[in-house]
Amino acid sequence: MSSLINFEKYDLKNVNKGIEDCEKELGDYGKKMDKLLKNKDYFNREELQKNLKVDENKMRDLLKWNARLYLGNQIKSCIEKNNQCHFKAEL
């Protein structure tokens, strides 16, 4: 089911809080992942897991939080540029 997601300028505080939460959950792994993924169009999950020295469950959590951080930063940028951000998402 597709839903329209809306963010307005007044949502920016909550978006920033969400970004902070993601960064907190990622911890030092966030910077390590950024370094490993920089300028790559594709990555192998197993290779990333090996380089970060984490088990499969931890890797799953890190990828989840990294995806949320990426989306949060895109939403933040869109709000700052347009004073709003609207998109459709499959829920």
N, C-alpha and C. Protein backbone atom coordinates (compact mmCIF):
# COMPACT_ATOMS: atom_id res chain seq x y z
N MET A 1 0.83 -1.17 0.00
CA MET A 1 0.00 0.00 0.00
C MET A 1 0.89 1.24 0.00
N SER A 2 0.62 2.17 -0.87
CA SER A 2 1.39 3.39 -1.01
C SER A 2 0.74 4.52 -0.20
N SER A 3 1.56 5.26 0.51
CA SER A 3 1.07 6.39 1.31
C SER A 3 1.89 7.63 0.99
N LEU A 4 1.25 8.77 1.09
CA LEU A 4 1.94 10.04 0.91
C LEU A 4 2.52 10.47 2.25
N ILE A 5 3.80 10.70 2.28
CA ILE A 5 4.50 11.13 3.49
C ILE A 5 4.78 12.63 3.36
N ASN A 6 4.42 13.39 4.38
CA ASN A 6 4.57 14.84 4.35
C ASN A 6 5.42 15.32 5.52
N PHE A 7 6.37 16.18 5.22
CA PHE A 7 7.16 16.87 6.23
C PHE A 7 7.13 18.35 5.91
N GLU A 8 6.95 19.15 6.93
CA GLU A 8 6.94 20.60 6.78
C GLU A 8 8.10 21.19 7.56
N LYS A 9 8.32 22.47 7.41
CA LYS A 9 9.44 23.14 8.08
C LYS A 9 9.40 22.91 9.59
N TYR A 10 8.20 22.92 10.18
CA TYR A 10 8.08 22.73 11.63
C TYR A 10 8.49 21.31 12.06
N ASP A 11 8.61 20.36 11.11
CA ASP A 11 9.04 19.00 11.42
C ASP A 11 10.56 18.86 11.51
N LEU A 12 11.28 19.91 11.13
CA LEU A 12 12.73 19.83 11.06
C LEU A 12 13.36 19.44 12.40
N LYS A 13 12.82 19.93 13.50
CA LYS A 13 13.35 19.58 14.82
C LYS A 13 13.27 18.07 15.04
N ASN A 14 12.15 17.46 14.70
CA ASN A 14 11.99 16.01 14.86
C ASN A 14 12.87 15.22 13.89
N VAL A 15 13.03 15.74 12.68
CA VAL A 15 13.90 15.09 11.71
C VAL A 15 15.34 15.11 12.23
N ASN A 16 15.77 16.24 12.75
CA ASN A 16 17.12 16.33 13.31
C ASN A 16 17.30 15.38 14.49
N LYS A 17 16.27 15.25 15.31
CA LYS A 17 16.32 14.32 16.45
C LYS A 17 16.44 12.89 15.94
N GLY A 18 15.72 12.56 14.89
CA GLY A 18 15.81 11.23 14.30
C GLY A 18 17.20 10.94 13.75
N ILE A 19 17.80 11.94 13.13
CA ILE A 19 19.17 11.80 12.61
C ILE A 19 20.13 11.56 13.76
N GLU A 20 19.98 12.31 14.83
CA GLU A 20 20.83 12.12 16.02
C GLU A 20 20.67 10.72 16.59
N ASP A 21 19.44 10.23 16.65
CA ASP A 21 19.18 8.88 17.16
C ASP A 21 19.89 7.83 16.30
N CYS A 22 19.82 8.01 14.99
CA CYS A 22 20.48 7.07 14.08
C CYS A 22 21.99 7.10 14.29
N GLU A 23 22.55 8.29 14.39
CA GLU A 23 24.00 8.42 14.59
C GLU A 23 24.41 7.79 15.91
N LYS A 24 23.59 7.94 16.93
CA LYS A 24 23.87 7.33 18.24
C LYS A 24 23.85 5.80 18.13
N GLU A 25 22.84 5.26 17.46
CA GLU A 25 22.73 3.81 17.30
C GLU A 25 23.89 3.24 16.49
N LEU A 26 24.35 3.99 15.48
CA LEU A 26 25.46 3.53 14.65
C LEU A 26 26.80 3.63 15.38
N GLY A 27 26.93 4.62 16.25
CA GLY A 27 28.18 4.80 16.99
C GLY A 27 29.37 4.92 16.05
N ASP A 28 30.48 4.33 16.45
CA ASP A 28 31.70 4.37 15.63
C ASP A 28 31.54 3.61 14.32
N TYR A 29 30.61 2.67 14.29
CA TYR A 29 30.39 1.91 13.05
C TYR A 29 29.91 2.82 11.92
N GLY A 30 29.21 3.90 12.25
CA GLY A 30 28.73 4.82 11.22
C GLY A 30 29.86 5.39 10.39
N LYS A 31 30.90 5.87 11.06
CA LYS A 31 32.05 6.43 10.35
C LYS A 31 32.81 5.36 9.58
N LYS A 32 32.91 4.17 10.19
CA LYS A 32 33.59 3.07 9.50
C LYS A 32 32.83 2.67 8.24
N MET A 33 31.50 2.63 8.35
CA MET A 33 30.69 2.28 7.17
C MET A 33 30.83 3.34 6.09
N ASP A 34 30.80 4.61 6.49
CA ASP A 34 30.97 5.69 5.52
C ASP A 34 32.27 5.54 4.76
N LYS A 35 33.33 5.25 5.49
CA LYS A 35 34.64 5.10 4.87
C LYS A 35 34.67 3.92 3.90
N LEU A 36 34.09 2.80 4.33
CA LEU A 36 34.08 1.61 3.47
C LEU A 36 33.19 1.77 2.24
N LEU A 37 32.09 2.52 2.37
CA LEU A 37 31.12 2.65 1.28
C LEU A 37 31.36 3.87 0.40
N LYS A 38 32.27 4.74 0.80
CA LYS A 38 32.51 5.98 0.05
C LYS A 38 32.84 5.67 -1.41
N ASN A 39 32.15 6.36 -2.29
CA ASN A 39 32.36 6.26 -3.74
C ASN A 39 32.11 4.87 -4.31
N LYS A 40 31.30 4.07 -3.63
CA LYS A 40 30.96 2.75 -4.15
C LYS A 40 29.50 2.73 -4.57
N ASP A 41 29.23 2.20 -5.75
CA ASP A 41 27.86 2.06 -6.22
C ASP A 41 27.24 0.76 -5.69
N TYR A 42 28.07 -0.17 -5.30
CA TYR A 42 27.62 -1.48 -4.85
C TYR A 42 28.51 -1.96 -3.71
N PHE A 43 27.92 -2.65 -2.78
CA PHE A 43 28.72 -3.29 -1.76
C PHE A 43 28.17 -4.68 -1.49
N ASN A 44 29.04 -5.54 -1.06
CA ASN A 44 28.68 -6.89 -0.70
C ASN A 44 28.49 -6.92 0.81
N ARG A 45 27.32 -7.34 1.25
CA ARG A 45 26.98 -7.35 2.67
C ARG A 45 27.98 -8.17 3.48
N GLU A 46 28.37 -9.32 2.97
CA GLU A 46 29.30 -10.18 3.68
C GLU A 46 30.67 -9.52 3.82
N GLU A 47 31.11 -8.84 2.76
CA GLU A 47 32.39 -8.14 2.80
C GLU A 47 32.35 -7.00 3.83
N LEU A 48 31.26 -6.27 3.86
CA LEU A 48 31.09 -5.19 4.82
C LEU A 48 31.08 -5.76 6.24
N GLN A 49 30.36 -6.84 6.43
CA GLN A 49 30.29 -7.49 7.74
C GLN A 49 31.68 -7.94 8.19
N LYS A 50 32.44 -8.51 7.27
CA LYS A 50 33.80 -8.97 7.59
C LYS A 50 34.70 -7.80 7.98
N ASN A 51 34.62 -6.70 7.23
CA ASN A 51 35.45 -5.53 7.50
C ASN A 51 35.10 -4.86 8.83
N LEU A 52 33.82 -4.90 9.20
CA LEU A 52 33.39 -4.29 10.45
C LEU A 52 33.54 -5.24 11.64
N LYS A 53 33.80 -6.51 11.32
CA LYS A 53 33.98 -7.54 12.37
C LYS A 53 32.75 -7.65 13.28
N VAL A 54 31.59 -7.82 12.64
CA VAL A 54 30.34 -7.95 13.38
C VAL A 54 29.61 -9.22 12.92
N ASP A 55 28.69 -9.71 13.75
CA ASP A 55 27.91 -10.87 13.35
C ASP A 55 26.74 -10.43 12.47
N GLU A 56 26.01 -11.41 11.97
CA GLU A 56 24.92 -11.14 11.02
C GLU A 56 23.83 -10.26 11.62
N ASN A 57 23.46 -10.51 12.88
CA ASN A 57 22.41 -9.70 13.52
C ASN A 57 22.85 -8.25 13.68
N LYS A 58 24.08 -8.03 14.09
CA LYS A 58 24.60 -6.67 14.24
C LYS A 58 24.64 -5.98 12.88
N MET A 59 25.04 -6.72 11.85
CA MET A 59 25.11 -6.14 10.51
C MET A 59 23.74 -5.71 10.05
N ARG A 60 22.72 -6.52 10.32
CA ARG A 60 21.34 -6.20 9.95
C ARG A 60 20.91 -4.90 10.64
N ASP A 61 21.22 -4.78 11.93
CA ASP A 61 20.88 -3.56 12.67
C ASP A 61 21.61 -2.34 12.12
N LEU A 62 22.89 -2.51 11.83
CA LEU A 62 23.67 -1.38 11.30
C LEU A 62 23.13 -0.92 9.95
N LEU A 63 22.78 -1.86 9.10
CA LEU A 63 22.23 -1.48 7.78
C LEU A 63 20.89 -0.78 7.93
N LYS A 64 20.07 -1.24 8.88
CA LYS A 64 18.77 -0.60 9.14
C LYS A 64 18.98 0.85 9.58
N TRP A 65 19.86 1.06 10.56
CA TRP A 65 20.09 2.41 11.06
C TRP A 65 20.77 3.30 10.02
N ASN A 66 21.65 2.71 9.21
CA ASN A 66 22.31 3.48 8.16
C ASN A 66 21.29 3.92 7.11
N ALA A 67 20.35 3.05 6.76
CA ALA A 67 19.31 3.41 5.79
C ALA A 67 18.42 4.52 6.35
N ARG A 68 18.07 4.43 7.62
CA ARG A 68 17.26 5.47 8.24
C ARG A 68 18.00 6.80 8.27
N LEU A 69 19.29 6.75 8.57
CA LEU A 69 20.10 7.97 8.58
C LEU A 69 20.15 8.60 7.20
N TYR A 70 20.35 7.77 6.18
CA TYR A 70 20.39 8.27 4.80
C TYR A 70 19.08 8.95 4.42
N LEU A 71 17.96 8.30 4.72
CA LEU A 71 16.65 8.88 4.42
C LEU A 71 16.43 10.15 5.23
N GLY A 72 16.79 10.13 6.50
CA GLY A 72 16.64 11.33 7.34
C GLY A 72 17.40 12.52 6.79
N ASN A 73 18.62 12.27 6.33
CA ASN A 73 19.42 13.36 5.75
C ASN A 73 18.83 13.87 4.45
N GLN A 74 18.24 12.98 3.66
CA GLN A 74 17.57 13.41 2.43
C GLN A 74 16.35 14.27 2.75
N ILE A 75 15.58 13.85 3.74
CA ILE A 75 14.40 14.62 4.15
C ILE A 75 14.82 15.98 4.68
N LYS A 76 15.84 16.02 5.51
CA LYS A 76 16.35 17.27 6.07
C LYS A 76 16.76 18.23 4.96
N SER A 77 17.52 17.73 4.02
CA SER A 77 17.98 18.54 2.90
C SER A 77 16.81 19.09 2.09
N CYS A 78 15.82 18.25 1.85
CA CYS A 78 14.64 18.66 1.10
C CYS A 78 13.87 19.76 1.84
N ILE A 79 13.69 19.59 3.15
CA ILE A 79 12.98 20.61 3.94
C ILE A 79 13.75 21.93 3.92
N GLU A 80 15.07 21.85 4.10
CA GLU A 80 15.88 23.07 4.12
C GLU A 80 15.83 23.80 2.77
N LYS A 81 15.74 23.04 1.71
CA LYS A 81 15.71 23.63 0.37
C LYS A 81 14.33 24.15 -0.01
N ASN A 82 13.27 23.41 0.36
CA ASN A 82 11.92 23.70 -0.12
C ASN A 82 10.92 24.08 0.96
N ASN A 83 11.36 24.10 2.21
CA ASN A 83 10.48 24.34 3.36
C ASN A 83 9.43 23.24 3.54
N GLN A 84 9.59 22.15 2.82
CA GLN A 84 8.69 21.00 2.91
C GLN A 84 9.30 19.82 2.18
N CYS A 85 8.77 18.65 2.44
CA CYS A 85 9.22 17.45 1.75
C CYS A 85 8.05 16.48 1.68
N HIS A 86 7.71 16.05 0.49
CA HIS A 86 6.59 15.13 0.27
C HIS A 86 7.06 14.01 -0.65
N PHE A 87 6.70 12.78 -0.31
CA PHE A 87 7.01 11.65 -1.18
C PHE A 87 6.07 10.50 -0.90
N LYS A 88 5.98 9.58 -1.85
CA LYS A 88 5.18 8.37 -1.67
C LYS A 88 6.08 7.26 -1.18
N ALA A 89 5.54 6.43 -0.29
CA ALA A 89 6.30 5.32 0.25
C ALA A 89 5.41 4.10 0.36
N GLU A 90 6.00 2.94 0.14
CA GLU A 90 5.31 1.68 0.35
C GLU A 90 5.41 1.35 1.82
N LEU A 91 4.28 1.15 2.48
CA LEU A 91 4.28 0.84 3.90
C LEU A 91 3.80 -0.57 4.14
